[in-house]
Amino acid sequence: MIASLLLTLTVPCLAPPVARPTPSPGTVFARAQDPDPEPEELPDKRPEVKELIDGLKEHVGKRGDEDEQAIAMIDRMLAEYPKSGVKDRAAMCKALSKVFEARRKDLESGLPDNGLYLATGTALGLMGPESAAVLTKWIGHKKHRKDLALQRVLVLSLGKTRDEKSLRVLIGLLQDKDAIIVGAAAEALGQHSSKPLKLRKDAFESMLKVLMSAKGAVDSDLNDTVARERYDVIAAPLITSMQALSGHDERKPDGWQRWWNKNKKKDWDEED
């Protein structure tokens, strides 16, 4: 389960923009985000949840030798999450946060041994909105900030929680020095297409400024390969998410700027 989700989170999405989606939960992972009934009405302090938390802690403590088993425990947590009350949910999120405190040596290739961290970050994205605070804590944290693959997953997962308070965090990440993080923040903001119009407009305007600035840097010096590479990484997710938030189909930065100038004060949700 987590393996397939990791693939979608770690490979940048460069697909052309599509119309603003409407939520259509159809998998156990989607239901984990929006359960019915409410968490307050669900059983709490269940022994099976404690068993999972204790088992995860034990596997994680084996210095990487049992990371595969730890990931299996996380998979089982995802299955239990929709059935869990408020206290059990908080306990699971806390247990997953502790995973990031575990140390792992780099692989022989020099790359980080981050499989367990990636699985944990992916799972937290499906435990929103309760997990948003944990994800925010580890985005940019000194223990993991150099691992851009993990940071990208954490940012995308924060978007998947659809936590309204996290919008400001994602908007702030649009100014990150690493293009891959800017692209992830832009993609994550596209998850908020059902939020109130004012919030969507704020996010849209921030993304438009970043898009126009990046395009301006390219246009001012066609030989600037750094500016071109940055634009190529961030343009697609910015445009896709701007389309998701606005419901408008536009492809070029200048076209988006003209559309915004004409429509920034209008009701984007009003029927034509």
C-alpha atoms as a PDB file:
ATOM      1  CA  MET A   1       0.000   0.000   0.000  1.00  0.00           C
ATOM      2  CA  ILE A   2       2.593   2.532   1.114  1.00  0.00           C
ATOM      3  CA  ALA A   3       4.983   1.504  -1.659  1.00  0.00           C
ATOM      4  CA  SER A   4       2.550   2.553  -4.383  1.00  0.00           C
ATOM      5  CA  LEU A   5       1.860   5.834  -2.617  1.00  0.00           C
ATOM      6  CA  LEU A   6       5.567   6.547  -2.274  1.00  0.00           C
ATOM      7  CA  LEU A   7       5.938   6.255  -6.036  1.00  0.00           C
ATOM      8  CA  THR A   8       3.330   8.937  -6.650  1.00  0.00           C
ATOM      9  CA  LEU A   9       4.818  11.251  -4.031  1.00  0.00           C
ATOM     10  CA  THR A  10       8.490  10.980  -4.971  1.00  0.00           C
ATOM     11  CA  VAL A  11       8.089  11.444  -8.725  1.00  0.00           C
ATOM     12  CA  PRO A  12       7.347  15.090  -9.652  1.00  0.00           C
ATOM     13  CA  CYS A  13       4.060  15.612 -11.437  1.00  0.00           C
ATOM     14  CA  LEU A  14       4.569  17.338 -14.777  1.00  0.00           C
ATOM     15  CA  ALA A  15       1.172  16.591 -16.273  1.00  0.00           C
ATOM     16  CA  PRO A  16      -0.708  19.402 -18.051  1.00  0.00           C
ATOM     17  CA  PRO A  17      -3.202  21.385 -15.979  1.00  0.00           C
ATOM     18  CA  VAL A  18      -6.664  20.000 -15.456  1.00  0.00           C
ATOM     19  CA  ALA A  19      -9.912  21.505 -14.282  1.00  0.00           C
ATOM     20  CA  ARG A  20     -10.452  21.975 -10.543  1.00  0.00           C
ATOM     21  CA  PRO A  21     -11.207  18.527  -9.134  1.00  0.00           C
ATOM     22  CA  THR A  22     -14.044  17.658  -6.836  1.00  0.00           C
ATOM     23  CA  PRO A  23     -13.254  15.320  -3.947  1.00  0.00           C
ATOM     24  CA  SER A  24     -14.118  11.733  -4.782  1.00  0.00           C
ATOM     25  CA  PRO A  25     -12.869   9.494  -1.982  1.00  0.00           C
ATOM     26  CA  GLY A  26     -12.923   5.926  -3.152  1.00  0.00           C
ATOM     27  CA  THR A  27     -10.132   4.122  -1.342  1.00  0.00           C
ATOM     28  CA  VAL A  28      -9.336   3.195   2.214  1.00  0.00           C
ATOM     29  CA  PHE A  29      -6.665   5.919   2.192  1.00  0.00           C
ATOM     30  CA  ALA A  30      -9.138   8.623   1.261  1.00  0.00           C
ATOM     31  CA  ARG A  31     -11.512   7.422   3.955  1.00  0.00           C
ATOM     32  CA  ALA A  32      -8.676   7.694   6.446  1.00  0.00           C
ATOM     33  CA  GLN A  33      -8.809  11.450   5.912  1.00  0.00           C
ATOM     34  CA  ASP A  34     -12.518  11.948   6.176  1.00  0.00           C
ATOM     35  CA  PRO A  35     -14.095   9.228   8.314  1.00  0.00           C
ATOM     36  CA  ASP A  36     -17.735   8.754   9.103  1.00  0.00           C
ATOM     37  CA  PRO A  37     -18.685   8.882  11.952  1.00  0.00           C
ATOM     38  CA  GLU A  38     -16.660  11.658  13.583  1.00  0.00           C
ATOM     39  CA  PRO A  39     -13.581  10.696  15.671  1.00  0.00           C
ATOM     40  CA  GLU A  40     -15.312  11.860  18.875  1.00  0.00           C
ATOM     41  CA  GLU A  41     -17.875   9.091  18.378  1.00  0.00           C
ATOM     42  CA  LEU A  42     -15.375   6.304  17.745  1.00  0.00           C
ATOM     43  CA  PRO A  43     -13.852   3.924  20.341  1.00  0.00           C
ATOM     44  CA  ASP A  44     -10.639   5.085  22.008  1.00  0.00           C
ATOM     45  CA  LYS A  45      -7.642   3.605  23.807  1.00  0.00           C
ATOM     46  CA  ARG A  46      -8.055   0.329  21.952  1.00  0.00           C
ATOM     47  CA  PRO A  47      -5.542  -2.441  22.727  1.00  0.00           C
ATOM     48  CA  GLU A  48      -4.861  -3.090  19.039  1.00  0.00           C
ATOM     49  CA  VAL A  49      -3.692   0.492  18.579  1.00  0.00           C
ATOM     50  CA  LYS A  50      -1.353   0.256  21.588  1.00  0.00           C
ATOM     51  CA  GLU A  51       0.006  -3.004  20.200  1.00  0.00           C
ATOM     52  CA  LEU A  52       0.764  -1.330  16.866  1.00  0.00           C
ATOM     53  CA  ILE A  53       2.475   1.632  18.528  1.00  0.00           C
ATOM     54  CA  ASP A  54       4.589  -0.621  20.749  1.00  0.00           C
ATOM     55  CA  GLY A  55       5.482  -2.835  17.803  1.00  0.00           C
ATOM     56  CA  LEU A  56       6.487   0.128  15.663  1.00  0.00           C
ATOM     57  CA  LYS A  57       8.725   1.479  18.404  1.00  0.00           C
ATOM     58  CA  GLU A  58      10.410  -1.893  18.808  1.00  0.00           C
ATOM     59  CA  HIS A  59      11.087  -2.325  15.079  1.00  0.00           C
ATOM     60  CA  VAL A  60      12.335   1.240  14.624  1.00  0.00           C
ATOM     61  CA  GLY A  61      14.743   0.764  17.528  1.00  0.00           C
ATOM     62  CA  LYS A  62      16.625  -2.004  15.682  1.00  0.00           C
ATOM     63  CA  ARG A  63      18.853   0.513  13.827  1.00  0.00           C
ATOM     64  CA  GLY A  64      17.395  -0.224  10.411  1.00  0.00           C
ATOM     65  CA  ASP A  65      17.514  -4.010  10.554  1.00  0.00           C
ATOM     66  CA  GLU A  66      13.722  -4.209  10.858  1.00  0.00           C
ATOM     67  CA  ASP A  67      12.595  -1.190   8.848  1.00  0.00           C
ATOM     68  CA  GLU A  68      10.584  -3.436   6.535  1.00  0.00           C
ATOM     69  CA  GLN A  69       8.616  -4.710   9.516  1.00  0.00           C
ATOM     70  CA  ALA A  70       8.210  -1.156  10.794  1.00  0.00           C
ATOM     71  CA  ILE A  71       6.707  -0.100   7.470  1.00  0.00           C
ATOM     72  CA  ALA A  72       4.284  -3.024   7.694  1.00  0.00           C
ATOM     73  CA  MET A  73       3.201  -1.701  11.108  1.00  0.00           C
ATOM     74  CA  ILE A  74       2.606   1.725   9.587  1.00  0.00           C
ATOM     75  CA  ASP A  75       0.442   0.109   6.910  1.00  0.00           C
ATOM     76  CA  ARG A  76      -1.642  -1.508   9.647  1.00  0.00           C
ATOM     77  CA  MET A  77      -1.963   1.848  11.408  1.00  0.00           C
ATOM     78  CA  LEU A  78      -3.457   3.299   8.258  1.00  0.00           C
ATOM     79  CA  ALA A  79      -6.116   0.602   8.313  1.00  0.00           C
ATOM     80  CA  GLU A  80      -6.923   1.298  11.969  1.00  0.00           C
ATOM     81  CA  TYR A  81      -6.911   5.074  11.710  1.00  0.00           C
ATOM     82  CA  PRO A  82     -10.449   5.504  10.320  1.00  0.00           C
ATOM     83  CA  LYS A  83     -11.804   3.356  13.150  1.00  0.00           C
ATOM     84  CA  SER A  84      -9.992   5.288  15.880  1.00  0.00           C
ATOM     85  CA  GLY A  85     -11.106   7.931  18.340  1.00  0.00           C
ATOM     86  CA  VAL A  86      -9.389  11.246  19.051  1.00  0.00           C
ATOM     87  CA  LYS A  87      -6.893   9.914  21.616  1.00  0.00           C
ATOM     88  CA  ASP A  88      -5.839   6.936  19.537  1.00  0.00           C
ATOM     89  CA  ARG A  89      -5.353   9.164  16.506  1.00  0.00           C
ATOM     90  CA  ALA A  90      -3.179  11.530  18.498  1.00  0.00           C
ATOM     91  CA  ALA A  91      -1.169   8.590  19.835  1.00  0.00           C
ATOM     92  CA  MET A  92      -0.557   7.224  16.332  1.00  0.00           C
ATOM     93  CA  CYS A  93       0.544  10.614  15.006  1.00  0.00           C
ATOM     94  CA  LYS A  94       2.901  11.008  17.968  1.00  0.00           C
ATOM     95  CA  ALA A  95       4.368   7.554  17.379  1.00  0.00           C
ATOM     96  CA  LEU A  96       4.979   8.344  13.725  1.00  0.00           C
ATOM     97  CA  SER A  97       6.621  11.634  14.638  1.00  0.00           C
ATOM     98  CA  LYS A  98       9.066   9.698  16.833  1.00  0.00           C
ATOM     99  CA  VAL A  99      10.176   7.720  13.761  1.00  0.00           C
ATOM    100  CA  PHE A 100      11.926  10.805  12.394  1.00  0.00           C
ATOM    101  CA  GLU A 101      14.072  10.939  15.534  1.00  0.00           C
ATOM    102  CA  ALA A 102      15.617   7.549  14.748  1.00  0.00           C
ATOM    103  CA  ARG A 103      19.061   7.633  13.159  1.00  0.00           C
ATOM    104  CA  ARG A 104      19.970   5.795   9.996  1.00  0.00           C
ATOM    105  CA  LYS A 105      23.411   5.627   8.347  1.00  0.00           C
ATOM    106  CA  ASP A 106      23.678   6.640   4.712  1.00  0.00           C
ATOM    107  CA  LEU A 107      23.777   3.852   2.151  1.00  0.00           C
ATOM    108  CA  GLU A 108      27.084   2.760   0.596  1.00  0.00           C
ATOM    109  CA  SER A 109      26.218   4.900  -2.418  1.00  0.00           C
ATOM    110  CA  GLY A 110      26.166   7.951  -0.171  1.00  0.00           C
ATOM    111  CA  LEU A 111      22.427   8.402  -0.532  1.00  0.00           C
ATOM    112  CA  PRO A 112      20.324   8.629   2.639  1.00  0.00           C
ATOM    113  CA  ASP A 113      18.723   5.457   3.964  1.00  0.00           C
ATOM    114  CA  ASN A 114      15.323   7.139   4.058  1.00  0.00           C
ATOM    115  CA  GLY A 115      12.829   4.422   3.145  1.00  0.00           C
ATOM    116  CA  LEU A 116      11.296   4.336   6.609  1.00  0.00           C
ATOM    117  CA  TYR A 117      11.090   8.130   6.766  1.00  0.00           C
ATOM    118  CA  LEU A 118       9.431   8.294   3.346  1.00  0.00           C
ATOM    119  CA  ALA A 119       6.840   5.704   4.366  1.00  0.00           C
ATOM    120  CA  THR A 120       6.149   7.594   7.587  1.00  0.00           C
ATOM    121  CA  GLY A 121       5.735  10.923   5.812  1.00  0.00           C
ATOM    122  CA  THR A 122       3.431   9.354   3.251  1.00  0.00           C
ATOM    123  CA  ALA A 123       1.248   7.794   5.945  1.00  0.00           C
ATOM    124  CA  LEU A 124       0.954  11.070   7.847  1.00  0.00           C
ATOM    125  CA  GLY A 125      -0.480  12.687   4.743  1.00  0.00           C
ATOM    126  CA  LEU A 126      -3.401  10.265   5.018  1.00  0.00           C
ATOM    127  CA  MET A 127      -4.038  10.995   8.689  1.00  0.00           C
ATOM    128  CA  GLY A 128      -5.130  14.594   8.323  1.00  0.00           C
ATOM    129  CA  PRO A 129      -5.987  16.971   9.656  1.00  0.00           C
ATOM    130  CA  GLU A 130      -4.638  15.588  12.950  1.00  0.00           C
ATOM    131  CA  SER A 131      -1.193  14.934  11.450  1.00  0.00           C
ATOM    132  CA  ALA A 132      -0.651  18.435  10.066  1.00  0.00           C
ATOM    133  CA  ALA A 133       1.249  19.650  13.143  1.00  0.00           C
ATOM    134  CA  VAL A 134       3.633  16.693  12.970  1.00  0.00           C
ATOM    135  CA  LEU A 135       4.345  17.259   9.283  1.00  0.00           C
ATOM    136  CA  THR A 136       4.903  20.970   9.862  1.00  0.00           C
ATOM    137  CA  LYS A 137       7.394  20.155  12.632  1.00  0.00           C
ATOM    138  CA  TRP A 138       9.566  18.034  10.359  1.00  0.00           C
ATOM    139  CA  ILE A 139       9.446  20.220   7.253  1.00  0.00           C
ATOM    140  CA  GLY A 140      12.792  21.975   7.271  1.00  0.00           C
ATOM    141  CA  HIS A 141      13.864  20.320  10.535  1.00  0.00           C
ATOM    142  CA  LYS A 142      17.646  20.311  10.953  1.00  0.00           C
ATOM    143  CA  LYS A 143      17.743  16.501  11.245  1.00  0.00           C
ATOM    144  CA  HIS A 144      16.309  16.001   7.757  1.00  0.00           C
ATOM    145  CA  ARG A 145      16.381  19.286   5.839  1.00  0.00           C
ATOM    146  CA  LYS A 146      19.191  18.117   3.514  1.00  0.00           C
ATOM    147  CA  ASP A 147      17.113  15.129   2.376  1.00  0.00           C
ATOM    148  CA  LEU A 148      15.150  16.836  -0.387  1.00  0.00           C
ATOM    149  CA  ALA A 149      13.315  13.655  -1.395  1.00  0.00           C
ATOM    150  CA  LEU A 150      11.933  13.358   2.122  1.00  0.00           C
ATOM    151  CA  GLN A 151      11.213  17.072   2.392  1.00  0.00           C
ATOM    152  CA  ARG A 152       9.223  16.883  -0.830  1.00  0.00           C
ATOM    153  CA  VAL A 153       7.123  14.009   0.527  1.00  0.00           C
ATOM    154  CA  LEU A 154       6.496  15.881   3.794  1.00  0.00           C
ATOM    155  CA  VAL A 155       5.332  18.991   1.930  1.00  0.00           C
ATOM    156  CA  LEU A 156       3.058  17.022  -0.386  1.00  0.00           C
ATOM    157  CA  SER A 157       1.642  15.135   2.589  1.00  0.00           C
ATOM    158  CA  LEU A 158       0.911  18.387   4.380  1.00  0.00           C
ATOM    159  CA  GLY A 159      -1.180  19.387   1.380  1.00  0.00           C
ATOM    160  CA  LYS A 160      -3.013  16.067   1.484  1.00  0.00           C
ATOM    161  CA  THR A 161      -4.168  16.741   5.057  1.00  0.00           C
ATOM    162  CA  ARG A 162      -6.126  19.725   3.660  1.00  0.00           C
ATOM    163  CA  ASP A 163      -5.553  21.424   6.996  1.00  0.00           C
ATOM    164  CA  GLU A 164      -6.598  25.042   6.608  1.00  0.00           C
ATOM    165  CA  LYS A 165      -4.041  26.331   9.111  1.00  0.00           C
ATOM    166  CA  SER A 166      -1.267  24.843   6.988  1.00  0.00           C
ATOM    167  CA  LEU A 167      -1.988  27.102   4.033  1.00  0.00           C
ATOM    168  CA  ARG A 168       0.342  29.795   5.407  1.00  0.00           C
ATOM    169  CA  VAL A 169       3.121  27.222   5.809  1.00  0.00           C
ATOM    170  CA  LEU A 170       2.745  26.082   2.207  1.00  0.00           C
ATOM    171  CA  ILE A 171       2.609  29.639   0.902  1.00  0.00           C
ATOM    172  CA  GLY A 172       5.797  30.415   2.815  1.00  0.00           C
ATOM    173  CA  LEU A 173       7.539  27.437   1.197  1.00  0.00           C
ATOM    174  CA  LEU A 174       6.983  29.004  -2.219  1.00  0.00           C
ATOM    175  CA  GLN A 175      10.026  31.157  -1.355  1.00  0.00           C
ATOM    176  CA  ASP A 176      12.304  28.191  -0.635  1.00  0.00           C
ATOM    177  CA  LYS A 177      15.761  28.229  -2.238  1.00  0.00           C
ATOM    178  CA  ASP A 178      15.284  24.700  -3.604  1.00  0.00           C
ATOM    179  CA  ALA A 179      13.075  24.493  -6.653  1.00  0.00           C
ATOM    180  CA  ILE A 180      11.903  20.985  -5.787  1.00  0.00           C
ATOM    181  CA  ILE A 181      10.422  22.281  -2.519  1.00  0.00           C
ATOM    182  CA  VAL A 182       8.746  25.211  -4.267  1.00  0.00           C
ATOM    183  CA  GLY A 183       7.211  22.780  -6.755  1.00  0.00           C
ATOM    184  CA  ALA A 184       6.013  20.527  -3.943  1.00  0.00           C
ATOM    185  CA  ALA A 185       4.468  23.473  -2.071  1.00  0.00           C
ATOM    186  CA  ALA A 186       2.691  24.562  -5.237  1.00  0.00           C
ATOM    187  CA  GLU A 187       1.366  21.052  -5.831  1.00  0.00           C
ATOM    188  CA  ALA A 188       0.249  20.805  -2.204  1.00  0.00           C
ATOM    189  CA  LEU A 189      -1.653  24.084  -2.427  1.00  0.00           C
ATOM    190  CA  GLY A 190      -3.697  22.591  -5.239  1.00  0.00           C
ATOM    191  CA  GLN A 191      -5.215  20.204  -2.678  1.00  0.00           C
ATOM    192  CA  HIS A 192      -7.106  23.152  -1.187  1.00  0.00           C
ATOM    193  CA  SER A 193      -9.507  23.668  -4.080  1.00  0.00           C
ATOM    194  CA  SER A 194     -12.536  23.285  -1.785  1.00  0.00           C
ATOM    195  CA  LYS A 195     -11.428  25.971   0.671  1.00  0.00           C
ATOM    196  CA  PRO A 196     -13.198  29.370   0.999  1.00  0.00           C
ATOM    197  CA  LEU A 197     -12.629  31.707  -1.920  1.00  0.00           C
ATOM    198  CA  LYS A 198     -10.586  34.263   0.041  1.00  0.00           C
ATOM    199  CA  LEU A 199      -8.054  31.626   1.089  1.00  0.00           C
ATOM    200  CA  ARG A 200      -7.817  30.304  -2.452  1.00  0.00           C
ATOM    201  CA  LYS A 201      -7.265  33.796  -3.825  1.00  0.00           C
ATOM    202  CA  ASP A 202      -4.467  34.428  -1.326  1.00  0.00           C
ATOM    203  CA  ALA A 203      -2.750  31.196  -2.336  1.00  0.00           C
ATOM    204  CA  PHE A 204      -3.345  31.885  -6.031  1.00  0.00           C
ATOM    205  CA  GLU A 205      -1.845  35.371  -5.844  1.00  0.00           C
ATOM    206  CA  SER A 206       1.243  34.060  -4.046  1.00  0.00           C
ATOM    207  CA  MET A 207       1.749  31.367  -6.676  1.00  0.00           C
ATOM    208  CA  LEU A 208       1.250  33.837  -9.509  1.00  0.00           C
ATOM    209  CA  LYS A 209       3.958  36.126  -8.096  1.00  0.00           C
ATOM    210  CA  VAL A 210       6.399  33.226  -7.901  1.00  0.00           C
ATOM    211  CA  LEU A 211       5.540  32.115 -11.427  1.00  0.00           C
ATOM    212  CA  MET A 212       5.962  35.593 -12.905  1.00  0.00           C
ATOM    213  CA  SER A 213       9.221  36.174 -11.035  1.00  0.00           C
ATOM    214  CA  ALA A 214      10.668  32.895 -12.293  1.00  0.00           C
ATOM    215  CA  LYS A 215       9.549  33.638 -15.858  1.00  0.00           C
ATOM    216  CA  GLY A 216      11.019  37.142 -15.619  1.00  0.00           C
ATOM    217  CA  ALA A 217      14.384  35.724 -14.546  1.00  0.00           C
ATOM    218  CA  VAL A 218      14.409  33.482 -17.611  1.00  0.00           C
ATOM    219  CA  ASP A 219      13.365  36.245 -20.002  1.00  0.00           C
ATOM    220  CA  SER A 220      15.970  38.681 -18.672  1.00  0.00           C
ATOM    221  CA  ASP A 221      18.855  36.336 -19.477  1.00  0.00           C
ATOM    222  CA  LEU A 222      18.219  33.514 -21.917  1.00  0.00           C
ATOM    223  CA  ASN A 223      21.657  32.066 -21.125  1.00  0.00           C
ATOM    224  CA  ASP A 224      20.929  31.710 -17.413  1.00  0.00           C
ATOM    225  CA  THR A 225      20.647  27.936 -17.153  1.00  0.00           C
ATOM    226  CA  VAL A 226      19.998  28.058 -13.385  1.00  0.00           C
ATOM    227  CA  ALA A 227      16.947  30.292 -13.870  1.00  0.00           C
ATOM    228  CA  ARG A 228      15.723  28.083 -16.709  1.00  0.00           C
ATOM    229  CA  GLU A 229      16.092  24.890 -14.685  1.00  0.00           C
ATOM    230  CA  ARG A 230      14.247  26.432 -11.732  1.00  0.00           C
ATOM    231  CA  TYR A 231      11.422  27.607 -13.969  1.00  0.00           C
ATOM    232  CA  ASP A 232      11.146  24.179 -15.600  1.00  0.00           C
ATOM    233  CA  VAL A 233      10.754  22.526 -12.174  1.00  0.00           C
ATOM    234  CA  ILE A 234       8.200  24.892 -10.654  1.00  0.00           C
ATOM    235  CA  ALA A 235       6.096  26.112 -13.588  1.00  0.00           C
ATOM    236  CA  ALA A 236       4.002  22.972 -14.148  1.00  0.00           C
ATOM    237  CA  PRO A 237       2.901  22.456 -10.507  1.00  0.00           C
ATOM    238  CA  LEU A 238       2.256  26.180 -10.087  1.00  0.00           C
ATOM    239  CA  ILE A 239       0.058  26.355 -13.173  1.00  0.00           C
ATOM    240  CA  THR A 240      -1.764  23.127 -12.355  1.00  0.00           C
ATOM    241  CA  SER A 241      -2.607  24.281  -8.836  1.00  0.00           C
ATOM    242  CA  MET A 242      -3.574  27.785  -9.952  1.00  0.00           C
ATOM    243  CA  GLN A 243      -6.031  26.134 -12.271  1.00  0.00           C
ATOM    244  CA  ALA A 244      -7.340  23.908  -9.479  1.00  0.00           C
ATOM    245  CA  LEU A 245      -7.903  26.872  -7.150  1.00  0.00           C
ATOM    246  CA  SER A 246      -9.463  29.168  -9.737  1.00  0.00           C
ATOM    247  CA  GLY A 247     -11.344  26.773 -12.006  1.00  0.00           C
ATOM    248  CA  HIS A 248      -9.850  28.648 -14.965  1.00  0.00           C
ATOM    249  CA  ASP A 249      -7.912  27.028 -17.804  1.00  0.00           C
ATOM    250  CA  GLU A 250      -4.776  28.972 -18.704  1.00  0.00           C
ATOM    251  CA  ARG A 251      -1.313  27.747 -19.689  1.00  0.00           C
ATOM    252  CA  LYS A 252       1.058  30.704 -20.072  1.00  0.00           C
ATOM    253  CA  PRO A 253       2.264  32.998 -17.271  1.00  0.00           C
ATOM    254  CA  ASP A 254       1.299  36.194 -19.094  1.00  0.00           C
ATOM    255  CA  GLY A 255      -2.174  34.810 -19.681  1.00  0.00           C
ATOM    256  CA  TRP A 256      -2.535  34.077 -15.976  1.00  0.00           C
ATOM    257  CA  GLN A 257      -1.441  37.588 -15.088  1.00  0.00           C
ATOM    258  CA  ARG A 258      -4.033  39.113 -17.424  1.00  0.00           C
ATOM    259  CA  TRP A 259      -6.741  36.814 -16.077  1.00  0.00           C
ATOM    260  CA  TRP A 260      -5.887  37.724 -12.479  1.00  0.00           C
ATOM    261  CA  ASN A 261      -5.944  41.455 -13.239  1.00  0.00           C
ATOM    262  CA  LYS A 262      -9.478  41.081 -14.627  1.00  0.00           C
ATOM    263  CA  ASN A 263     -10.860  38.558 -12.127  1.00  0.00           C
ATOM    264  CA  LYS A 264      -9.142  39.029  -8.770  1.00  0.00           C
ATOM    265  CA  LYS A 265     -12.192  40.767  -7.299  1.00  0.00           C
ATOM    266  CA  LYS A 266     -14.790  38.529  -8.916  1.00  0.00           C
ATOM    267  CA  ASP A 267     -16.575  35.499  -7.483  1.00  0.00           C
ATOM    268  CA  TRP A 268     -14.799  32.574  -9.090  1.00  0.00           C
ATOM    269  CA  ASP A 269     -17.454  30.158  -7.904  1.00  0.00           C
ATOM    270  CA  GLU A 270     -20.368  32.006  -9.483  1.00  0.00           C
ATOM    271  CA  GLU A 271     -22.124  30.026 -12.185  1.00  0.00           C
ATOM    272  CA  ASP A 272     -21.603  31.356 -15.709  1.00  0.00           C
END
